[in-house]
All heavy atoms as atom14 arrays in JSON, in Angstrom:
{
  "sequence": "EAVRGLELGADALKLFPAAGRHPSWVGEVRAALPQAPLIPAGGVTPET",
  "atom14_mask": [
    [1, 1, 1, 1, 1, 1, 1, 1, 1, 0, 0, 0, 0, 0],
    [1, 1, 1, 1, 1, 0, 0, 0, 0, 0, 0, 0, 0, 0],
    [1, 1, 1, 1, 1, 1, 1, 0, 0, 0, 0, 0, 0, 0],
    [1, 1, 1, 1, 1, 1, 1, 1, 1, 1, 1, 0, 0, 0],
    [1, 1, 1, 1, 0, 0, 0, 0, 0, 0, 0, 0, 0, 0],
    [1, 1, 1, 1, 1, 1, 1, 1, 0, 0, 0, 0, 0, 0],
    [1, 1, 1, 1, 1, 1, 1, 1, 1, 0, 0, 0, 0, 0],
    [1, 1, 1, 1, 1, 1, 1, 1, 0, 0, 0, 0, 0, 0],
    [1, 1, 1, 1, 0, 0, 0, 0, 0, 0, 0, 0, 0, 0],
    [1, 1, 1, 1, 1, 0, 0, 0, 0, 0, 0, 0, 0, 0],
    [1, 1, 1, 1, 1, 1, 1, 1, 0, 0, 0, 0, 0, 0],
    [1, 1, 1, 1, 1, 0, 0, 0, 0, 0, 0, 0, 0, 0],
    [1, 1, 1, 1, 1, 1, 1, 1, 0, 0, 0, 0, 0, 0],
    [1, 1, 1, 1, 1, 1, 1, 1, 1, 0, 0, 0, 0, 0],
    [1, 1, 1, 1, 1, 1, 1, 1, 0, 0, 0, 0, 0, 0],
    [1, 1, 1, 1, 1, 1, 1, 1, 1, 1, 1, 0, 0, 0],
    [1, 1, 1, 1, 1, 1, 1, 0, 0, 0, 0, 0, 0, 0],
    [1, 1, 1, 1, 1, 0, 0, 0, 0, 0, 0, 0, 0, 0],
    [1, 1, 1, 1, 1, 0, 0, 0, 0, 0, 0, 0, 0, 0],
    [1, 1, 1, 1, 0, 0, 0, 0, 0, 0, 0, 0, 0, 0],
    [1, 1, 1, 1, 1, 1, 1, 1, 1, 1, 1, 0, 0, 0],
    [1, 1, 1, 1, 1, 1, 1, 1, 1, 1, 0, 0, 0, 0],
    [1, 1, 1, 1, 1, 1, 1, 0, 0, 0, 0, 0, 0, 0],
    [1, 1, 1, 1, 1, 1, 0, 0, 0, 0, 0, 0, 0, 0],
    [1, 1, 1, 1, 1, 1, 1, 1, 1, 1, 1, 1, 1, 1],
    [1, 1, 1, 1, 1, 1, 1, 0, 0, 0, 0, 0, 0, 0],
    [1, 1, 1, 1, 0, 0, 0, 0, 0, 0, 0, 0, 0, 0],
    [1, 1, 1, 1, 1, 1, 1, 1, 1, 0, 0, 0, 0, 0],
    [1, 1, 1, 1, 1, 1, 1, 0, 0, 0, 0, 0, 0, 0],
    [1, 1, 1, 1, 1, 1, 1, 1, 1, 1, 1, 0, 0, 0],
    [1, 1, 1, 1, 1, 0, 0, 0, 0, 0, 0, 0, 0, 0],
    [1, 1, 1, 1, 1, 0, 0, 0, 0, 0, 0, 0, 0, 0],
    [1, 1, 1, 1, 1, 1, 1, 1, 0, 0, 0, 0, 0, 0],
    [1, 1, 1, 1, 1, 1, 1, 0, 0, 0, 0, 0, 0, 0],
    [1, 1, 1, 1, 1, 1, 1, 1, 1, 0, 0, 0, 0, 0],
    [1, 1, 1, 1, 1, 0, 0, 0, 0, 0, 0, 0, 0, 0],
    [1, 1, 1, 1, 1, 1, 1, 0, 0, 0, 0, 0, 0, 0],
    [1, 1, 1, 1, 1, 1, 1, 1, 0, 0, 0, 0, 0, 0],
    [1, 1, 1, 1, 1, 1, 1, 1, 0, 0, 0, 0, 0, 0],
    [1, 1, 1, 1, 1, 1, 1, 0, 0, 0, 0, 0, 0, 0],
    [1, 1, 1, 1, 1, 0, 0, 0, 0, 0, 0, 0, 0, 0],
    [1, 1, 1, 1, 0, 0, 0, 0, 0, 0, 0, 0, 0, 0],
    [1, 1, 1, 1, 0, 0, 0, 0, 0, 0, 0, 0, 0, 0],
    [1, 1, 1, 1, 1, 1, 1, 0, 0, 0, 0, 0, 0, 0],
    [1, 1, 1, 1, 1, 1, 1, 0, 0, 0, 0, 0, 0, 0],
    [1, 1, 1, 1, 1, 1, 1, 0, 0, 0, 0, 0, 0, 0],
    [1, 1, 1, 1, 1, 1, 1, 1, 1, 0, 0, 0, 0, 0],
    [1, 1, 1, 1, 1, 1, 1, 0, 0, 0, 0, 0, 0, 0]
  ],
  "atom14_positions": [
    [[27.55, 56.4, -0.27], [26.89, 57.57, -0.85], [27.52, 57.88, -2.26], [26.84, 58.31, -3.13], [27.03, 58.75, 0.05], [26.2, 58.58, 1.4], [26.29, 59.82, 2.24], [27.18, 60.68, 2.08], [25.45, 59.92, 3.15], [0.0, 0.0, 0.0], [0.0, 0.0, 0.0], [0.0, 0.0, 0.0], [0.0, 0.0, 0.0], [0.0, 0.0, 0.0]],
    [[28.81, 57.66, -2.35], [29.42, 57.95, -3.7], [28.89, 57.06, -4.73], [28.53, 57.48, -5.85], [30.93, 57.72, -3.56], [0.0, 0.0, 0.0], [0.0, 0.0, 0.0], [0.0, 0.0, 0.0], [0.0, 0.0, 0.0], [0.0, 0.0, 0.0], [0.0, 0.0, 0.0], [0.0, 0.0, 0.0], [0.0, 0.0, 0.0], [0.0, 0.0, 0.0]],
    [[28.66, 55.76, -4.47], [28.05, 54.83, -5.42], [26.61, 55.28, -5.76], [26.21, 55.28, -6.87], [28.05, 53.4, -4.91], [27.25, 52.49, -5.78], [29.51, 52.89, -4.82], [0.0, 0.0, 0.0], [0.0, 0.0, 0.0], [0.0, 0.0, 0.0], [0.0, 0.0, 0.0], [0.0, 0.0, 0.0], [0.0, 0.0, 0.0], [0.0, 0.0, 0.0]],
    [[25.9, 55.65, -4.71], [24.5, 56.09, -4.9], [24.51, 57.39, -5.83], [23.64, 57.52, -6.67], [23.82, 56.37, -3.6], [22.4, 56.81, -3.65], [21.56, 55.81, -4.38], [20.16, 56.22, -4.45], [19.25, 55.74, -5.35], [19.73, 55.01, -6.35], [18.04, 56.16, -5.35], [0.0, 0.0, 0.0], [0.0, 0.0, 0.0], [0.0, 0.0, 0.0]],
    [[25.44, 58.27, -5.55], [25.5, 59.5, -6.33], [25.76, 59.17, -7.83], [25.2, 59.77, -8.67], [0.0, 0.0, 0.0], [0.0, 0.0, 0.0], [0.0, 0.0, 0.0], [0.0, 0.0, 0.0], [0.0, 0.0, 0.0], [0.0, 0.0, 0.0], [0.0, 0.0, 0.0], [0.0, 0.0, 0.0], [0.0, 0.0, 0.0], [0.0, 0.0, 0.0]],
    [[26.65, 58.21, -8.04], [26.94, 57.76, -9.44], [25.62, 57.21, -10.1], [25.34, 57.45, -11.26], [28.05, 56.78, -9.46], [29.45, 57.31, -9.03], [30.41, 56.14, -8.95], [29.99, 58.35, -10.06], [0.0, 0.0, 0.0], [0.0, 0.0, 0.0], [0.0, 0.0, 0.0], [0.0, 0.0, 0.0], [0.0, 0.0, 0.0], [0.0, 0.0, 0.0]],
    [[24.96, 56.38, -9.31], [23.72, 55.76, -9.8], [22.68, 56.83, -10.17], [21.95, 56.71, -11.19], [23.16, 54.79, -8.8], [23.99, 53.58, -8.56], [23.53, 52.73, -7.4], [22.71, 53.24, -6.63], [23.94, 51.54, -7.29], [0.0, 0.0, 0.0], [0.0, 0.0, 0.0], [0.0, 0.0, 0.0], [0.0, 0.0, 0.0], [0.0, 0.0, 0.0]],
    [[22.67, 57.9, -9.39], [21.65, 58.97, -9.62], [22.1, 59.89, -10.77], [21.28, 60.75, -11.23], [21.42, 59.76, -8.38], [20.68, 58.98, -7.28], [20.67, 59.89, -5.97], [19.27, 58.65, -7.65], [0.0, 0.0, 0.0], [0.0, 0.0, 0.0], [0.0, 0.0, 0.0], [0.0, 0.0, 0.0], [0.0, 0.0, 0.0], [0.0, 0.0, 0.0]],
    [[23.32, 59.76, -11.24], [23.79, 60.56, -12.34], [24.53, 61.84, -11.93], [24.62, 62.73, -12.84], [0.0, 0.0, 0.0], [0.0, 0.0, 0.0], [0.0, 0.0, 0.0], [0.0, 0.0, 0.0], [0.0, 0.0, 0.0], [0.0, 0.0, 0.0], [0.0, 0.0, 0.0], [0.0, 0.0, 0.0], [0.0, 0.0, 0.0], [0.0, 0.0, 0.0]],
    [[24.92, 62.0, -10.69], [25.61, 63.18, -10.31], [26.82, 63.44, -11.22], [27.55, 62.51, -11.57], [26.04, 63.14, -8.86], [0.0, 0.0, 0.0], [0.0, 0.0, 0.0], [0.0, 0.0, 0.0], [0.0, 0.0, 0.0], [0.0, 0.0, 0.0], [0.0, 0.0, 0.0], [0.0, 0.0, 0.0], [0.0, 0.0, 0.0], [0.0, 0.0, 0.0]],
    [[27.06, 64.68, -11.64], [28.17, 65.01, -12.56], [29.47, 65.03, -11.87], [30.52, 64.8, -12.49], [27.9, 66.38, -13.21], [26.55, 66.32, -13.95], [26.52, 65.96, -15.13], [25.53, 66.74, -13.39], [0.0, 0.0, 0.0], [0.0, 0.0, 0.0], [0.0, 0.0, 0.0], [0.0, 0.0, 0.0], [0.0, 0.0, 0.0], [0.0, 0.0, 0.0]],
    [[29.52, 65.22, -10.56], [30.7, 65.1, -9.72], [30.2, 64.91, -8.29], [29.02, 65.22, -8.0], [31.62, 66.34, -9.83], [0.0, 0.0, 0.0], [0.0, 0.0, 0.0], [0.0, 0.0, 0.0], [0.0, 0.0, 0.0], [0.0, 0.0, 0.0], [0.0, 0.0, 0.0], [0.0, 0.0, 0.0], [0.0, 0.0, 0.0], [0.0, 0.0, 0.0]],
    [[31.08, 64.47, -7.41], [30.73, 64.14, -6.11], [31.55, 65.09, -5.11], [32.74, 64.91, -5.08], [31.03, 62.64, -5.74], [30.3, 61.68, -6.7], [30.8, 60.27, -6.46], [28.81, 61.72, -6.52], [0.0, 0.0, 0.0], [0.0, 0.0, 0.0], [0.0, 0.0, 0.0], [0.0, 0.0, 0.0], [0.0, 0.0, 0.0], [0.0, 0.0, 0.0]],
    [[30.83, 65.85, -4.38], [31.48, 66.71, -3.43], [31.72, 65.98, -2.13], [30.76, 65.66, -1.39], [30.6, 67.94, -3.18], [31.13, 68.94, -2.09], [30.18, 70.08, -1.93], [30.61, 70.98, -0.76], [29.65, 72.13, -0.55], [0.0, 0.0, 0.0], [0.0, 0.0, 0.0], [0.0, 0.0, 0.0], [0.0, 0.0, 0.0], [0.0, 0.0, 0.0]],
    [[32.93, 65.73, -1.82], [33.29, 65.11, -0.5], [33.2, 66.2, 0.58], [34.02, 67.09, 0.57], [34.73, 64.53, -0.52], [35.25, 64.08, 0.86], [34.4, 62.98, 1.44], [36.75, 63.69, 0.73], [0.0, 0.0, 0.0], [0.0, 0.0, 0.0], [0.0, 0.0, 0.0], [0.0, 0.0, 0.0], [0.0, 0.0, 0.0], [0.0, 0.0, 0.0]],
    [[32.14, 66.04, 1.43], [31.88, 67.13, 2.4], [31.47, 66.51, 3.71], [30.57, 65.61, 3.74], [30.78, 68.03, 1.89], [30.45, 69.16, 2.82], [31.28, 70.31, 2.82], [29.42, 69.07, 3.72], [30.98, 71.35, 3.74], [29.12, 70.1, 4.56], [29.87, 71.25, 4.55], [0.0, 0.0, 0.0], [0.0, 0.0, 0.0], [0.0, 0.0, 0.0]],
    [[32.07, 67.0, 4.84], [33.18, 67.92, 4.83], [34.53, 67.17, 4.68], [34.69, 66.09, 5.18], [33.04, 68.6, 6.22], [32.48, 67.55, 7.06], [31.5, 66.76, 6.18], [0.0, 0.0, 0.0], [0.0, 0.0, 0.0], [0.0, 0.0, 0.0], [0.0, 0.0, 0.0], [0.0, 0.0, 0.0], [0.0, 0.0, 0.0], [0.0, 0.0, 0.0]],
    [[35.46, 67.85, 4.07], [36.79, 67.26, 3.94], [37.6, 67.39, 5.2], [38.61, 66.74, 5.4], [37.51, 67.88, 2.75], [0.0, 0.0, 0.0], [0.0, 0.0, 0.0], [0.0, 0.0, 0.0], [0.0, 0.0, 0.0], [0.0, 0.0, 0.0], [0.0, 0.0, 0.0], [0.0, 0.0, 0.0], [0.0, 0.0, 0.0], [0.0, 0.0, 0.0]],
    [[37.22, 68.37, 5.99], [37.98, 68.64, 7.29], [37.95, 67.39, 8.07], [36.91, 66.7, 8.26], [37.3, 69.77, 8.02], [0.0, 0.0, 0.0], [0.0, 0.0, 0.0], [0.0, 0.0, 0.0], [0.0, 0.0, 0.0], [0.0, 0.0, 0.0], [0.0, 0.0, 0.0], [0.0, 0.0, 0.0], [0.0, 0.0, 0.0], [0.0, 0.0, 0.0]],
    [[39.09, 67.1, 8.68], [39.24, 65.89, 9.48], [39.63, 64.64, 8.72], [39.92, 63.58, 9.29], [0.0, 0.0, 0.0], [0.0, 0.0, 0.0], [0.0, 0.0, 0.0], [0.0, 0.0, 0.0], [0.0, 0.0, 0.0], [0.0, 0.0, 0.0], [0.0, 0.0, 0.0], [0.0, 0.0, 0.0], [0.0, 0.0, 0.0], [0.0, 0.0, 0.0]],
    [[39.6, 64.72, 7.37], [40.0, 63.6, 6.57], [41.38, 63.85, 5.95], [41.82, 65.06, 5.77], [39.04, 63.39, 5.4], [37.63, 62.97, 5.87], [36.74, 62.69, 4.62], [35.35, 62.46, 4.95], [34.87, 61.24, 5.17], [35.7, 60.2, 5.12], [33.59, 61.07, 5.48], [0.0, 0.0, 0.0], [0.0, 0.0, 0.0], [0.0, 0.0, 0.0]],
    [[42.1, 62.79, 5.67], [43.35, 62.96, 5.0], [43.23, 62.78, 3.49], [42.37, 61.95, 3.05], [44.32, 61.89, 5.47], [45.76, 62.1, 5.15], [46.28, 61.61, 3.87], [46.75, 62.82, 5.68], [47.5, 61.96, 3.74], [47.89, 62.67, 4.84], [0.0, 0.0, 0.0], [0.0, 0.0, 0.0], [0.0, 0.0, 0.0], [0.0, 0.0, 0.0]],
    [[43.97, 63.45, 2.66], [43.83, 63.27, 1.2], [43.91, 61.81, 0.76], [43.38, 61.49, -0.29], [44.99, 64.13, 0.66], [45.12, 65.29, 1.68], [44.9, 64.59, 3.01], [0.0, 0.0, 0.0], [0.0, 0.0, 0.0], [0.0, 0.0, 0.0], [0.0, 0.0, 0.0], [0.0, 0.0, 0.0], [0.0, 0.0, 0.0], [0.0, 0.0, 0.0]],
    [[44.6, 61.02, 1.5], [44.72, 59.58, 1.1], [43.33, 58.88, 1.08], [43.2, 57.89, 0.38], [45.65, 58.86, 2.1], [45.07, 58.88, 3.44], [0.0, 0.0, 0.0], [0.0, 0.0, 0.0], [0.0, 0.0, 0.0], [0.0, 0.0, 0.0], [0.0, 0.0, 0.0], [0.0, 0.0, 0.0], [0.0, 0.0, 0.0], [0.0, 0.0, 0.0]],
    [[42.35, 59.47, 1.7], [40.99, 58.91, 1.6], [40.5, 58.87, 0.2], [39.89, 57.9, -0.25], [40.02, 59.85, 2.39], [38.61, 59.25, 2.6], [38.16, 58.46, 3.59], [37.54, 59.44, 1.71], [36.83, 58.15, 3.42], [36.44, 58.72, 2.28], [37.32, 60.15, 0.51], [35.11, 58.7, 1.63], [36.12, 60.17, -0.07], [35.04, 59.44, 0.44]],
    [[40.83, 59.9, -0.58], [40.41, 59.95, -1.99], [41.09, 58.82, -2.74], [40.51, 58.09, -3.55], [40.81, 61.31, -2.64], [40.69, 61.23, -4.18], [39.9, 62.41, -2.07], [0.0, 0.0, 0.0], [0.0, 0.0, 0.0], [0.0, 0.0, 0.0], [0.0, 0.0, 0.0], [0.0, 0.0, 0.0], [0.0, 0.0, 0.0], [0.0, 0.0, 0.0]],
    [[42.42, 58.61, -2.48], [43.17, 57.58, -3.17], [42.58, 56.17, -2.87], [42.38, 55.32, -3.73], [0.0, 0.0, 0.0], [0.0, 0.0, 0.0], [0.0, 0.0, 0.0], [0.0, 0.0, 0.0], [0.0, 0.0, 0.0], [0.0, 0.0, 0.0], [0.0, 0.0, 0.0], [0.0, 0.0, 0.0], [0.0, 0.0, 0.0], [0.0, 0.0, 0.0]],
    [[42.24, 56.02, -1.58], [41.69, 54.7, -1.19], [40.33, 54.45, -1.82], [40.04, 53.37, -2.33], [41.5, 54.63, 0.33], [42.82, 54.67, 1.07], [43.68, 53.41, 0.89], [43.1, 52.42, 0.53], [44.91, 53.48, 1.07], [0.0, 0.0, 0.0], [0.0, 0.0, 0.0], [0.0, 0.0, 0.0], [0.0, 0.0, 0.0], [0.0, 0.0, 0.0]],
    [[39.42, 55.42, -1.86], [38.13, 55.26, -2.46], [38.25, 55.08, -3.97], [37.62, 54.24, -4.58], [37.26, 56.57, -2.12], [35.95, 56.49, -2.98], [36.88, 56.53, -0.66], [0.0, 0.0, 0.0], [0.0, 0.0, 0.0], [0.0, 0.0, 0.0], [0.0, 0.0, 0.0], [0.0, 0.0, 0.0], [0.0, 0.0, 0.0], [0.0, 0.0, 0.0]],
    [[39.12, 55.84, -4.6], [39.27, 55.68, -6.08], [39.93, 54.43, -6.47], [39.81, 54.02, -7.65], [39.93, 56.92, -6.66], [39.18, 58.22, -6.55], [39.69, 59.27, -7.44], [39.32, 59.03, -8.78], [40.23, 58.73, -9.73], [41.5, 58.66, -9.5], [39.81, 58.53, -10.98], [0.0, 0.0, 0.0], [0.0, 0.0, 0.0], [0.0, 0.0, 0.0]],
    [[40.62, 53.79, -5.56], [41.21, 52.47, -5.89], [40.06, 51.47, -6.14], [40.17, 50.61, -6.99], [42.05, 52.03, -4.76], [0.0, 0.0, 0.0], [0.0, 0.0, 0.0], [0.0, 0.0, 0.0], [0.0, 0.0, 0.0], [0.0, 0.0, 0.0], [0.0, 0.0, 0.0], [0.0, 0.0, 0.0], [0.0, 0.0, 0.0], [0.0, 0.0, 0.0]],
    [[38.95, 51.66, -5.42], [37.81, 50.76, -5.59], [36.79, 51.42, -6.56], [36.08, 50.69, -7.27], [37.09, 50.51, -4.21], [0.0, 0.0, 0.0], [0.0, 0.0, 0.0], [0.0, 0.0, 0.0], [0.0, 0.0, 0.0], [0.0, 0.0, 0.0], [0.0, 0.0, 0.0], [0.0, 0.0, 0.0], [0.0, 0.0, 0.0], [0.0, 0.0, 0.0]],
    [[36.76, 52.7, -6.6], [35.79, 53.42, -7.46], [36.55, 54.42, -8.38], [36.44, 55.68, -8.18], [34.79, 54.19, -6.61], [33.91, 53.35, -5.7], [33.09, 54.2, -4.79], [32.99, 52.43, -6.52], [0.0, 0.0, 0.0], [0.0, 0.0, 0.0], [0.0, 0.0, 0.0], [0.0, 0.0, 0.0], [0.0, 0.0, 0.0], [0.0, 0.0, 0.0]],
    [[37.31, 53.96, -9.29], [38.15, 54.89, -10.12], [37.23, 55.81, -10.97], [37.74, 56.86, -11.51], [38.98, 53.95, -11.01], [38.2, 52.69, -11.04], [37.54, 52.53, -9.69], [0.0, 0.0, 0.0], [0.0, 0.0, 0.0], [0.0, 0.0, 0.0], [0.0, 0.0, 0.0], [0.0, 0.0, 0.0], [0.0, 0.0, 0.0], [0.0, 0.0, 0.0]],
    [[35.99, 55.48, -11.13], [35.09, 56.27, -11.95], [34.44, 57.46, -11.12], [33.66, 58.2, -11.69], [33.96, 55.39, -12.58], [32.94, 54.96, -11.57], [33.33, 53.7, -10.84], [34.5, 53.44, -10.57], [32.37, 52.82, -10.42], [0.0, 0.0, 0.0], [0.0, 0.0, 0.0], [0.0, 0.0, 0.0], [0.0, 0.0, 0.0], [0.0, 0.0, 0.0]],
    [[34.79, 57.53, -9.84], [34.14, 58.54, -9.01], [34.9, 59.89, -9.09], [36.0, 59.97, -8.61], [34.05, 58.04, -7.61], [0.0, 0.0, 0.0], [0.0, 0.0, 0.0], [0.0, 0.0, 0.0], [0.0, 0.0, 0.0], [0.0, 0.0, 0.0], [0.0, 0.0, 0.0], [0.0, 0.0, 0.0], [0.0, 0.0, 0.0], [0.0, 0.0, 0.0]],
    [[34.3, 60.91, -9.69], [34.96, 62.26, -9.72], [34.72, 62.98, -8.44], [33.64, 63.58, -8.22], [34.26, 62.93, -10.95], [32.85, 62.29, -10.93], [33.01, 60.92, -10.38], [0.0, 0.0, 0.0], [0.0, 0.0, 0.0], [0.0, 0.0, 0.0], [0.0, 0.0, 0.0], [0.0, 0.0, 0.0], [0.0, 0.0, 0.0], [0.0, 0.0, 0.0]],
    [[35.66, 62.95, -7.55], [35.5, 63.52, -6.16], [36.06, 64.99, -6.1], [37.1, 65.3, -6.64], [36.3, 62.64, -5.18], [35.7, 61.22, -5.06], [36.65, 60.31, -4.3], [34.35, 61.24, -4.38], [0.0, 0.0, 0.0], [0.0, 0.0, 0.0], [0.0, 0.0, 0.0], [0.0, 0.0, 0.0], [0.0, 0.0, 0.0], [0.0, 0.0, 0.0]],
    [[35.3, 65.79, -5.36], [35.67, 67.19, -5.14], [35.63, 67.43, -3.65], [34.58, 67.69, -3.1], [34.69, 68.17, -5.84], [34.61, 67.89, -7.36], [35.15, 69.59, -5.6], [33.57, 68.72, -8.06], [0.0, 0.0, 0.0], [0.0, 0.0, 0.0], [0.0, 0.0, 0.0], [0.0, 0.0, 0.0], [0.0, 0.0, 0.0], [0.0, 0.0, 0.0]],
    [[36.78, 67.37, -2.96], [36.8, 67.64, -1.56], [36.5, 69.17, -1.32], [36.97, 70.02, -2.06], [38.25, 67.35, -1.16], [38.78, 66.47, -2.23], [38.1, 66.94, -3.47], [0.0, 0.0, 0.0], [0.0, 0.0, 0.0], [0.0, 0.0, 0.0], [0.0, 0.0, 0.0], [0.0, 0.0, 0.0], [0.0, 0.0, 0.0], [0.0, 0.0, 0.0]],
    [[35.7, 69.41, -0.29], [35.39, 70.79, 0.11], [35.06, 70.84, 1.59], [34.6, 69.85, 2.13], [34.14, 71.3, -0.69], [0.0, 0.0, 0.0], [0.0, 0.0, 0.0], [0.0, 0.0, 0.0], [0.0, 0.0, 0.0], [0.0, 0.0, 0.0], [0.0, 0.0, 0.0], [0.0, 0.0, 0.0], [0.0, 0.0, 0.0], [0.0, 0.0, 0.0]],
    [[35.22, 72.0, 2.2], [34.95, 72.14, 3.62], [36.21, 71.79, 4.41], [36.38, 70.6, 4.75], [0.0, 0.0, 0.0], [0.0, 0.0, 0.0], [0.0, 0.0, 0.0], [0.0, 0.0, 0.0], [0.0, 0.0, 0.0], [0.0, 0.0, 0.0], [0.0, 0.0, 0.0], [0.0, 0.0, 0.0], [0.0, 0.0, 0.0], [0.0, 0.0, 0.0]],
    [[37.08, 72.78, 4.58], [38.32, 72.52, 5.3], [39.52, 72.42, 4.42], [40.64, 72.31, 4.92], [0.0, 0.0, 0.0], [0.0, 0.0, 0.0], [0.0, 0.0, 0.0], [0.0, 0.0, 0.0], [0.0, 0.0, 0.0], [0.0, 0.0, 0.0], [0.0, 0.0, 0.0], [0.0, 0.0, 0.0], [0.0, 0.0, 0.0], [0.0, 0.0, 0.0]],
    [[39.31, 72.52, 3.06], [40.45, 72.53, 2.16], [41.1, 73.87, 2.18], [40.39, 74.94, 2.11], [40.02, 72.16, 0.71], [41.2, 72.24, -0.2], [39.4, 70.8, 0.69], [0.0, 0.0, 0.0], [0.0, 0.0, 0.0], [0.0, 0.0, 0.0], [0.0, 0.0, 0.0], [0.0, 0.0, 0.0], [0.0, 0.0, 0.0], [0.0, 0.0, 0.0]],
    [[42.41, 73.94, 2.19], [43.15, 75.24, 2.29], [44.12, 75.32, 1.05], [44.43, 74.32, 0.39], [43.97, 75.38, 3.56], [45.03, 74.36, 3.57], [43.09, 75.14, 4.75], [0.0, 0.0, 0.0], [0.0, 0.0, 0.0], [0.0, 0.0, 0.0], [0.0, 0.0, 0.0], [0.0, 0.0, 0.0], [0.0, 0.0, 0.0], [0.0, 0.0, 0.0]],
    [[44.69, 76.45, 0.77], [45.7, 76.57, -0.26], [46.88, 75.68, -0.08], [47.5, 75.24, -1.02], [46.09, 78.11, -0.28], [44.86, 78.79, 0.27], [44.31, 77.85, 1.29], [0.0, 0.0, 0.0], [0.0, 0.0, 0.0], [0.0, 0.0, 0.0], [0.0, 0.0, 0.0], [0.0, 0.0, 0.0], [0.0, 0.0, 0.0], [0.0, 0.0, 0.0]],
    [[47.22, 75.36, 1.17], [48.34, 74.52, 1.49], [48.06, 73.06, 1.21], [48.87, 72.3, 0.72], [48.74, 74.73, 2.98], [49.36, 76.07, 3.31], [48.3, 77.18, 3.3], [47.13, 77.0, 3.68], [48.7, 78.33, 2.87], [0.0, 0.0, 0.0], [0.0, 0.0, 0.0], [0.0, 0.0, 0.0], [0.0, 0.0, 0.0], [0.0, 0.0, 0.0]],
    [[46.82, 72.58, 1.52], [46.49, 71.23, 1.36], [45.88, 70.89, 0.03], [45.81, 69.75, -0.35], [45.52, 70.8, 2.46], [44.21, 71.51, 2.35], [46.09, 71.04, 3.85], [0.0, 0.0, 0.0], [0.0, 0.0, 0.0], [0.0, 0.0, 0.0], [0.0, 0.0, 0.0], [0.0, 0.0, 0.0], [0.0, 0.0, 0.0], [0.0, 0.0, 0.0]]
  ]
}
């Protein structure tokens, strides 16, 4: 879906829901898709 969002021209990609995922998910995805501007939401707290 991230690749499809980039193809459609999305200005940023909202990772939703982020709840249940570890922040390392972003690092793993960006290793393959460094051009993907990801915004985790849904379950993000001031601590995380």
